[in-house]
């Protein structure tokens, strides 16, 4: 089993500016060790002769080209809005954010 020390986890936490408790440091060192074990198992797989691929699907960007088409004016779009202000849709404030 790959081991990552508690000190290594504490160092990573400091770099990430995370405040971790002693219990969290102990828990994360075990979890990260398990992740490193899985990575080492994957790295040990012999993939000689296997062609590398980044995407098995060959379709690329199946979209239509942009085309200019008639659309509503700003006034027409806002005409049916429940509330509008300064040429924009006005919506209720959420999550206590200040404007």
N, C-alpha and C. Protein backbone atom coordinates (compact mmCIF):
# COMPACT_ATOMS: atom_id res chain seq x y z
N UNK A 1 0.84 -1.19 0.00
CA UNK A 1 0.00 0.00 0.00
C UNK A 1 0.88 1.25 0.00
N UNK A 2 0.59 2.18 -0.91
CA UNK A 2 1.32 3.45 -0.92
C UNK A 2 0.93 4.25 0.31
N UNK A 3 1.89 4.83 0.89
CA UNK A 3 1.62 5.62 2.08
C UNK A 3 1.91 7.08 1.81
N UNK A 4 1.00 7.91 2.24
CA UNK A 4 1.25 9.34 2.24
C UNK A 4 1.17 9.74 3.71
N UNK A 5 2.18 10.38 4.17
CA UNK A 5 2.25 10.66 5.60
C UNK A 5 1.28 11.78 5.99
N UNK A 6 1.01 11.78 7.26
CA UNK A 6 0.15 12.83 7.83
C UNK A 6 0.80 14.20 7.59
N UNK A 7 2.14 14.25 7.69
CA UNK A 7 2.85 15.50 7.45
C UNK A 7 2.70 15.95 6.00
N UNK A 8 2.71 14.98 5.06
CA UNK A 8 2.50 15.32 3.64
C UNK A 8 1.11 15.94 3.44
N UNK A 9 0.11 15.33 4.08
CA UNK A 9 -1.26 15.85 3.98
C UNK A 9 -1.34 17.24 4.59
N UNK A 10 -0.69 17.44 5.73
CA UNK A 10 -0.69 18.76 6.38
C UNK A 10 -0.03 19.79 5.47
N UNK A 11 1.06 19.39 4.80
CA UNK A 11 1.75 20.29 3.88
C UNK A 11 0.85 20.65 2.70
N UNK A 12 0.19 19.65 2.11
CA UNK A 12 -0.74 19.92 1.01
C UNK A 12 -1.89 20.82 1.46
N UNK A 13 -2.38 20.59 2.65
CA UNK A 13 -3.47 21.42 3.18
C UNK A 13 -3.02 22.87 3.33
N UNK A 14 -1.79 23.06 3.82
CA UNK A 14 -1.28 24.43 3.95
C UNK A 14 -1.16 25.09 2.58
N UNK A 15 -0.66 24.34 1.59
CA UNK A 15 -0.53 24.90 0.24
C UNK A 15 -1.89 25.28 -0.34
N UNK A 16 -2.92 24.48 -0.02
CA UNK A 16 -4.27 24.74 -0.51
C UNK A 16 -5.04 25.69 0.40
N UNK A 17 -4.37 26.15 1.45
CA UNK A 17 -4.98 27.05 2.43
C UNK A 17 -6.23 26.45 3.06
N UNK A 18 -6.12 25.16 3.43
CA UNK A 18 -7.20 24.45 4.09
C UNK A 18 -6.84 24.25 5.55
N UNK A 19 -7.77 24.54 6.42
CA UNK A 19 -7.56 24.30 7.84
C UNK A 19 -8.19 22.95 8.17
N UNK A 20 -7.35 21.95 8.44
CA UNK A 20 -7.84 20.61 8.73
C UNK A 20 -7.58 20.25 10.18
N UNK A 21 -8.53 19.53 10.77
CA UNK A 21 -8.36 19.04 12.13
C UNK A 21 -7.43 17.84 12.11
N UNK A 22 -7.00 17.40 13.30
CA UNK A 22 -6.14 16.23 13.40
C UNK A 22 -6.84 15.00 12.84
N UNK A 23 -8.13 14.85 13.14
CA UNK A 23 -8.89 13.71 12.62
C UNK A 23 -8.97 13.74 11.09
N UNK A 24 -9.16 14.93 10.52
CA UNK A 24 -9.22 15.05 9.07
C UNK A 24 -7.87 14.72 8.43
N UNK A 25 -6.79 15.16 9.06
CA UNK A 25 -5.45 14.84 8.54
C UNK A 25 -5.23 13.33 8.51
N UNK A 26 -5.63 12.66 9.60
CA UNK A 26 -5.48 11.21 9.65
C UNK A 26 -6.35 10.53 8.60
N UNK A 27 -7.58 10.97 8.48
CA UNK A 27 -8.51 10.37 7.51
C UNK A 27 -8.06 10.59 6.08
N UNK A 28 -7.66 11.81 5.77
CA UNK A 28 -7.24 12.11 4.40
C UNK A 28 -5.95 11.39 4.03
N UNK A 29 -5.05 11.16 4.99
CA UNK A 29 -3.83 10.44 4.64
C UNK A 29 -4.17 9.01 4.22
N UNK A 30 -5.13 8.38 4.87
CA UNK A 30 -5.56 7.05 4.45
C UNK A 30 -6.26 7.06 3.10
N UNK A 31 -7.13 8.05 2.88
CA UNK A 31 -7.85 8.14 1.61
C UNK A 31 -6.90 8.43 0.45
N UNK A 32 -5.97 9.34 0.66
CA UNK A 32 -5.01 9.65 -0.41
C UNK A 32 -4.09 8.47 -0.68
N UNK A 33 -3.75 7.72 0.36
CA UNK A 33 -2.95 6.52 0.17
C UNK A 33 -3.68 5.50 -0.70
N UNK A 34 -4.98 5.35 -0.47
CA UNK A 34 -5.78 4.41 -1.28
C UNK A 34 -5.84 4.88 -2.73
N UNK A 35 -5.96 6.18 -2.95
CA UNK A 35 -5.98 6.72 -4.31
C UNK A 35 -4.65 6.45 -4.99
N UNK A 36 -3.55 6.66 -4.29
CA UNK A 36 -2.23 6.40 -4.87
C UNK A 36 -2.04 4.92 -5.19
N UNK A 37 -2.62 4.04 -4.36
CA UNK A 37 -2.57 2.60 -4.66
C UNK A 37 -3.27 2.30 -5.98
N UNK A 38 -4.44 2.88 -6.18
CA UNK A 38 -5.18 2.65 -7.42
C UNK A 38 -4.41 3.20 -8.62
N UNK A 39 -3.81 4.35 -8.47
CA UNK A 39 -3.03 4.93 -9.57
C UNK A 39 -1.85 4.03 -9.91
N UNK A 40 -1.18 3.50 -8.90
CA UNK A 40 -0.03 2.62 -9.18
C UNK A 40 -0.48 1.34 -9.86
N UNK A 41 -1.67 0.82 -9.54
CA UNK A 41 -2.19 -0.37 -10.21
C UNK A 41 -2.46 -0.05 -11.69
N UNK A 42 -2.99 1.10 -11.96
CA UNK A 42 -3.27 1.50 -13.35
C UNK A 42 -1.96 1.68 -14.10
N UNK A 43 -0.97 2.28 -13.47
CA UNK A 43 0.32 2.49 -14.12
C UNK A 43 1.03 1.17 -14.40
N UNK A 44 0.73 0.12 -13.63
CA UNK A 44 1.38 -1.18 -13.81
C UNK A 44 0.80 -1.97 -14.97
N UNK A 45 -0.33 -1.55 -15.52
CA UNK A 45 -0.95 -2.28 -16.63
C UNK A 45 -0.09 -2.14 -17.88
N UNK A 46 0.17 -3.30 -18.52
CA UNK A 46 0.96 -3.30 -19.75
C UNK A 46 0.06 -2.90 -20.90
N UNK A 47 0.31 -1.76 -21.47
CA UNK A 47 -0.52 -1.28 -22.58
C UNK A 47 0.31 -1.18 -23.86
N UNK A 48 1.32 -2.06 -23.95
CA UNK A 48 2.13 -2.12 -25.15
C UNK A 48 1.24 -2.50 -26.33
N UNK A 49 1.31 -1.75 -27.41
CA UNK A 49 0.53 -2.05 -28.60
C UNK A 49 -0.88 -1.49 -28.57
N UNK A 50 -1.26 -0.84 -27.49
CA UNK A 50 -2.59 -0.23 -27.41
C UNK A 50 -2.47 1.20 -27.89
N UNK A 51 -3.26 1.52 -28.90
CA UNK A 51 -3.21 2.87 -29.45
C UNK A 51 -3.86 3.86 -28.48
N UNK A 52 -3.19 4.96 -28.24
CA UNK A 52 -3.72 5.98 -27.35
C UNK A 52 -4.92 6.66 -28.00
N UNK A 53 -5.90 7.00 -27.20
CA UNK A 53 -7.07 7.71 -27.71
C UNK A 53 -7.51 8.74 -26.69
N UNK A 54 -7.94 9.87 -27.16
CA UNK A 54 -8.45 10.88 -26.24
C UNK A 54 -9.97 10.90 -26.24
N UNK A 55 -10.58 10.39 -27.33
CA UNK A 55 -12.02 10.34 -27.42
C UNK A 55 -12.39 9.25 -28.43
N UNK A 56 -13.10 8.23 -27.97
CA UNK A 56 -13.43 7.15 -28.89
C UNK A 56 -14.46 7.55 -29.95
N UNK A 57 -15.15 8.64 -29.75
CA UNK A 57 -16.14 9.10 -30.71
C UNK A 57 -15.48 9.99 -31.74
N UNK A 58 -15.74 9.72 -32.99
CA UNK A 58 -15.07 10.46 -34.06
C UNK A 58 -15.83 11.72 -34.48
N UNK A 59 -17.08 11.89 -34.05
CA UNK A 59 -17.83 13.09 -34.40
C UNK A 59 -17.20 14.30 -33.71
N UNK A 60 -17.03 15.35 -34.45
CA UNK A 60 -16.42 16.55 -33.90
C UNK A 60 -17.32 17.73 -34.15
N UNK A 61 -17.71 18.42 -33.09
CA UNK A 61 -18.42 19.68 -33.19
C UNK A 61 -19.59 19.63 -34.18
N UNK A 62 -20.56 18.78 -33.90
CA UNK A 62 -21.70 18.63 -34.79
C UNK A 62 -22.68 19.76 -34.48
N UNK A 63 -22.43 20.91 -35.08
CA UNK A 63 -23.29 22.08 -34.88
C UNK A 63 -23.53 22.74 -36.23
N UNK A 64 -24.56 23.54 -36.25
CA UNK A 64 -24.84 24.27 -37.48
C UNK A 64 -24.05 25.57 -37.47
N UNK A 65 -23.78 26.14 -38.63
CA UNK A 65 -23.06 27.41 -38.66
C UNK A 65 -23.96 28.54 -38.15
N UNK A 66 -23.35 29.54 -37.57
CA UNK A 66 -24.11 30.72 -37.13
C UNK A 66 -24.63 31.46 -38.35
N UNK A 67 -25.86 31.91 -38.25
CA UNK A 67 -26.45 32.67 -39.35
C UNK A 67 -27.29 33.80 -38.76
N UNK A 68 -27.18 34.96 -39.34
CA UNK A 68 -27.97 36.11 -38.90
C UNK A 68 -29.42 35.85 -39.29
N UNK A 69 -30.33 36.06 -38.34
CA UNK A 69 -31.75 35.85 -38.58
C UNK A 69 -32.53 36.97 -37.90
N UNK A 70 -33.73 37.26 -38.37
CA UNK A 70 -34.53 38.29 -37.72
C UNK A 70 -34.81 37.90 -36.26
N UNK A 71 -34.81 38.89 -35.40
CA UNK A 71 -35.10 38.62 -33.99
C UNK A 71 -35.81 39.82 -33.39
N UNK A 72 -36.17 39.70 -32.12
CA UNK A 72 -36.87 40.78 -31.43
C UNK A 72 -35.93 41.94 -31.14
N UNK A 73 -36.49 43.12 -31.13
CA UNK A 73 -35.73 44.27 -30.65
C UNK A 73 -35.70 44.21 -29.13
N UNK A 74 -34.86 45.00 -28.53
CA UNK A 74 -34.79 45.03 -27.07
C UNK A 74 -36.15 45.42 -26.48
N UNK A 75 -36.80 46.39 -27.06
CA UNK A 75 -38.09 46.84 -26.56
C UNK A 75 -39.14 45.74 -26.68
N UNK A 76 -39.15 45.00 -27.80
CA UNK A 76 -40.10 43.92 -27.97
C UNK A 76 -39.86 42.80 -26.95
N UNK A 77 -38.62 42.49 -26.71
CA UNK A 77 -38.30 41.42 -25.76
C UNK A 77 -38.72 41.80 -24.35
N UNK A 78 -38.54 43.06 -23.98
CA UNK A 78 -38.88 43.51 -22.63
C UNK A 78 -40.35 43.82 -22.45
N UNK A 79 -41.10 43.93 -23.55
CA UNK A 79 -42.51 44.32 -23.48
C UNK A 79 -43.33 43.33 -22.66
N UNK A 80 -43.04 42.06 -22.71
CA UNK A 80 -43.82 41.06 -21.99
C UNK A 80 -43.20 40.68 -20.64
N UNK A 81 -42.11 41.32 -20.29
CA UNK A 81 -41.43 40.99 -19.03
C UNK A 81 -42.24 41.50 -17.85
N UNK A 82 -42.32 40.72 -16.77
CA UNK A 82 -43.03 41.19 -15.57
C UNK A 82 -42.41 42.47 -15.02
N UNK A 83 -41.07 42.55 -15.09
CA UNK A 83 -40.37 43.76 -14.63
C UNK A 83 -39.13 43.97 -15.48
N UNK A 84 -38.85 45.22 -15.78
CA UNK A 84 -37.65 45.57 -16.54
C UNK A 84 -37.10 46.86 -15.96
N UNK A 85 -35.78 47.01 -16.04
CA UNK A 85 -35.12 48.22 -15.55
C UNK A 85 -33.87 48.45 -16.37
N UNK A 86 -33.67 49.68 -16.79
CA UNK A 86 -32.47 50.07 -17.54
C UNK A 86 -32.22 49.19 -18.77
N UNK A 87 -33.30 48.81 -19.46
CA UNK A 87 -33.16 48.02 -20.67
C UNK A 87 -32.82 46.56 -20.44
N UNK A 88 -33.05 46.06 -19.23
CA UNK A 88 -32.75 44.66 -18.91
C UNK A 88 -33.92 44.04 -18.16
N UNK A 89 -33.99 42.70 -18.17
CA UNK A 89 -34.96 42.00 -17.35
C UNK A 89 -34.59 42.21 -15.89
N UNK A 90 -35.58 42.49 -15.05
CA UNK A 90 -35.33 42.65 -13.62
C UNK A 90 -35.86 41.40 -12.92
N UNK A 91 -35.01 40.78 -12.13
CA UNK A 91 -35.39 39.55 -11.43
C UNK A 91 -35.18 39.75 -9.93
N UNK A 92 -35.87 38.94 -9.11
CA UNK A 92 -35.71 39.08 -7.66
C UNK A 92 -34.28 38.74 -7.23
N UNK A 93 -33.83 39.42 -6.20
CA UNK A 93 -32.51 39.16 -5.63
C UNK A 93 -32.52 37.78 -5.00
N UNK A 94 -31.42 37.04 -5.15
CA UNK A 94 -31.32 35.71 -4.56
C UNK A 94 -30.09 35.60 -3.68
N UNK A 95 -30.13 34.68 -2.76
CA UNK A 95 -28.99 34.35 -1.89
C UNK A 95 -28.45 35.53 -1.10
N UNK A 96 -29.25 36.54 -0.89
CA UNK A 96 -28.82 37.66 -0.07
C UNK A 96 -27.67 38.45 -0.64
N UNK A 97 -27.43 38.35 -1.95
CA UNK A 97 -26.34 39.09 -2.56
C UNK A 97 -26.69 40.57 -2.63
N UNK A 98 -25.70 41.42 -2.46
CA UNK A 98 -25.94 42.86 -2.59
C UNK A 98 -25.68 43.27 -4.03
N UNK A 99 -26.33 44.31 -4.43
CA UNK A 99 -26.19 44.76 -5.82
C UNK A 99 -25.03 45.68 -6.00
